[in-house]
Amino acid sequence: MTNKPNGTLYVGVTNNLERRVYEHKTGRGGVFTKKYKLYNLVFFDETNDIRQAIATEKQMKHWNRKYKKNTIELRNPEWKDLSEGWFDG
């Protein structure tokens, strides 16, 4: 998640992406996401293996910013909020 294109980045893992994004967007996310207003979902990956998800999250947290940016832009070059419209009326 991010606050704007090329902005602050947040990496996390969840068993319910829609719920977790909603928490971030409504200010119920963690302290870091509130502080930096990280409300835009710009990248996600899915797996049924929680151990793999946690291992991937740990790896991604150690990636340098350029590598994270390139990973996002491979799938989402315009940094669009992938959750846009999820919570509309």
C-alpha atoms as a PDB file:
ATOM      1  CA  MET A   1       0.000   0.000   0.000  1.00  0.00           C
ATOM      2  CA  THR A   2       1.087   3.563  -0.590  1.00  0.00           C
ATOM      3  CA  ASN A   3      -0.057   7.137  -0.147  1.00  0.00           C
ATOM      4  CA  LYS A   4       0.767   8.277  -3.701  1.00  0.00           C
ATOM      5  CA  PRO A   5       2.726   7.107  -6.758  1.00  0.00           C
ATOM      6  CA  ASN A   6       6.349   6.622  -5.734  1.00  0.00           C
ATOM      7  CA  GLY A   7       5.379   7.478  -2.140  1.00  0.00           C
ATOM      8  CA  THR A   8       5.865   5.667   1.141  1.00  0.00           C
ATOM      9  CA  LEU A   9       5.369   1.897   0.841  1.00  0.00           C
ATOM     10  CA  TYR A  10       3.825  -0.591   3.246  1.00  0.00           C
ATOM     11  CA  VAL A  11       4.209  -4.363   2.930  1.00  0.00           C
ATOM     12  CA  GLY A  12       1.983  -6.702   4.902  1.00  0.00           C
ATOM     13  CA  VAL A  13       0.289 -10.084   4.928  1.00  0.00           C
ATOM     14  CA  THR A  14      -3.365 -10.896   5.621  1.00  0.00           C
ATOM     15  CA  ASN A  15      -5.833 -13.738   5.260  1.00  0.00           C
ATOM     16  CA  ASN A  16      -8.533 -11.308   4.080  1.00  0.00           C
ATOM     17  CA  LEU A  17      -7.312  -8.605   1.691  1.00  0.00           C
ATOM     18  CA  GLU A  18     -10.624  -6.782   1.324  1.00  0.00           C
ATOM     19  CA  ARG A  19     -11.088  -6.503   5.093  1.00  0.00           C
ATOM     20  CA  ARG A  20      -7.498  -5.357   5.634  1.00  0.00           C
ATOM     21  CA  VAL A  21      -7.668  -2.698   2.909  1.00  0.00           C
ATOM     22  CA  TYR A  22     -10.931  -1.453   4.422  1.00  0.00           C
ATOM     23  CA  GLU A  23      -9.229  -1.190   7.819  1.00  0.00           C
ATOM     24  CA  HIS A  24      -6.429   0.881   6.297  1.00  0.00           C
ATOM     25  CA  LYS A  25      -8.817   3.155   4.405  1.00  0.00           C
ATOM     26  CA  THR A  26     -10.973   3.784   7.498  1.00  0.00           C
ATOM     27  CA  GLY A  27      -8.075   4.531   9.836  1.00  0.00           C
ATOM     28  CA  ARG A  28      -8.137   1.198  11.646  1.00  0.00           C
ATOM     29  CA  GLY A  29      -4.838   0.060  10.178  1.00  0.00           C
ATOM     30  CA  GLY A  30      -1.597   0.158  12.104  1.00  0.00           C
ATOM     31  CA  VAL A  31       0.218   3.234  13.397  1.00  0.00           C
ATOM     32  CA  PHE A  32       2.579   3.338  10.398  1.00  0.00           C
ATOM     33  CA  THR A  33      -0.254   3.295   7.849  1.00  0.00           C
ATOM     34  CA  LYS A  34      -2.181   5.999   9.730  1.00  0.00           C
ATOM     35  CA  LYS A  35       0.882   8.216  10.084  1.00  0.00           C
ATOM     36  CA  TYR A  36       1.692   8.127   6.365  1.00  0.00           C
ATOM     37  CA  LYS A  37      -1.911   7.803   5.087  1.00  0.00           C
ATOM     38  CA  LEU A  38      -1.198   4.574   3.212  1.00  0.00           C
ATOM     39  CA  TYR A  39      -4.636   3.958   1.720  1.00  0.00           C
ATOM     40  CA  ASN A  40      -3.932   2.919  -1.884  1.00  0.00           C
ATOM     41  CA  LEU A  41      -3.491  -0.740  -2.749  1.00  0.00           C
ATOM     42  CA  VAL A  42      -0.988  -0.812  -5.616  1.00  0.00           C
ATOM     43  CA  PHE A  43       0.204  -4.430  -5.487  1.00  0.00           C
ATOM     44  CA  PHE A  44      -0.898  -7.746  -4.060  1.00  0.00           C
ATOM     45  CA  ASP A  45      -0.156 -11.402  -4.536  1.00  0.00           C
ATOM     46  CA  GLU A  46      -2.201 -14.424  -3.508  1.00  0.00           C
ATOM     47  CA  THR A  47      -1.382 -17.848  -2.131  1.00  0.00           C
ATOM     48  CA  ASN A  48      -3.137 -20.515  -0.089  1.00  0.00           C
ATOM     49  CA  ASP A  49       0.058 -21.203   1.869  1.00  0.00           C
ATOM     50  CA  ILE A  50       0.323 -18.859   4.870  1.00  0.00           C
ATOM     51  CA  ARG A  51       3.911 -19.906   5.552  1.00  0.00           C
ATOM     52  CA  GLN A  52       4.868 -18.914   2.017  1.00  0.00           C
ATOM     53  CA  ALA A  53       3.002 -15.616   2.364  1.00  0.00           C
ATOM     54  CA  ILE A  54       4.874 -14.753   5.558  1.00  0.00           C
ATOM     55  CA  ALA A  55       8.217 -15.756   4.026  1.00  0.00           C
ATOM     56  CA  THR A  56       7.530 -13.578   0.972  1.00  0.00           C
ATOM     57  CA  GLU A  57       6.515 -10.638   3.169  1.00  0.00           C
ATOM     58  CA  LYS A  58       9.771 -10.922   5.121  1.00  0.00           C
ATOM     59  CA  GLN A  59      11.772 -11.011   1.890  1.00  0.00           C
ATOM     60  CA  MET A  60       9.942  -8.000   0.433  1.00  0.00           C
ATOM     61  CA  LYS A  61      10.552  -5.937   3.573  1.00  0.00           C
ATOM     62  CA  HIS A  62      14.294  -6.323   2.940  1.00  0.00           C
ATOM     63  CA  TRP A  63      14.132  -5.378  -0.749  1.00  0.00           C
ATOM     64  CA  ASN A  64      15.510  -1.966  -1.613  1.00  0.00           C
ATOM     65  CA  ARG A  65      13.079   0.703  -2.739  1.00  0.00           C
ATOM     66  CA  LYS A  66      14.041   0.465  -6.418  1.00  0.00           C
ATOM     67  CA  TYR A  67      13.286  -3.277  -6.495  1.00  0.00           C
ATOM     68  CA  LYS A  68       9.908  -2.755  -4.783  1.00  0.00           C
ATOM     69  CA  LYS A  69       9.083   0.050  -7.235  1.00  0.00           C
ATOM     70  CA  ASN A  70       9.987  -2.123 -10.225  1.00  0.00           C
ATOM     71  CA  THR A  71       7.896  -5.008  -8.865  1.00  0.00           C
ATOM     72  CA  ILE A  72       4.856  -2.741  -8.527  1.00  0.00           C
ATOM     73  CA  GLU A  73       5.334  -1.209 -11.963  1.00  0.00           C
ATOM     74  CA  LEU A  74       5.511  -4.600 -13.706  1.00  0.00           C
ATOM     75  CA  ARG A  75       1.850  -5.160 -12.802  1.00  0.00           C
ATOM     76  CA  ASN A  76       0.624  -1.635 -12.126  1.00  0.00           C
ATOM     77  CA  PRO A  77       2.701   0.917 -14.098  1.00  0.00           C
ATOM     78  CA  GLU A  78       0.335   3.796 -13.299  1.00  0.00           C
ATOM     79  CA  TRP A  79       0.215   3.026  -9.560  1.00  0.00           C
ATOM     80  CA  LYS A  80      -3.595   2.871  -9.657  1.00  0.00           C
ATOM     81  CA  ASP A  81      -5.450   2.013  -6.456  1.00  0.00           C
ATOM     82  CA  LEU A  82      -6.385  -1.607  -7.161  1.00  0.00           C
ATOM     83  CA  SER A  83      -9.114  -1.443  -4.516  1.00  0.00           C
ATOM     84  CA  GLU A  84     -10.894   1.471  -6.170  1.00  0.00           C
ATOM     85  CA  GLY A  85     -14.626   0.838  -6.150  1.00  0.00           C
ATOM     86  CA  TRP A  86     -14.475  -2.005  -3.615  1.00  0.00           C
ATOM     87  CA  PHE A  87     -16.358  -0.081  -0.966  1.00  0.00           C
ATOM     88  CA  ASP A  88     -18.683   2.118  -3.014  1.00  0.00           C
ATOM     89  CA  GLY A  89     -22.367   2.129  -2.100  1.00  0.00           C
END
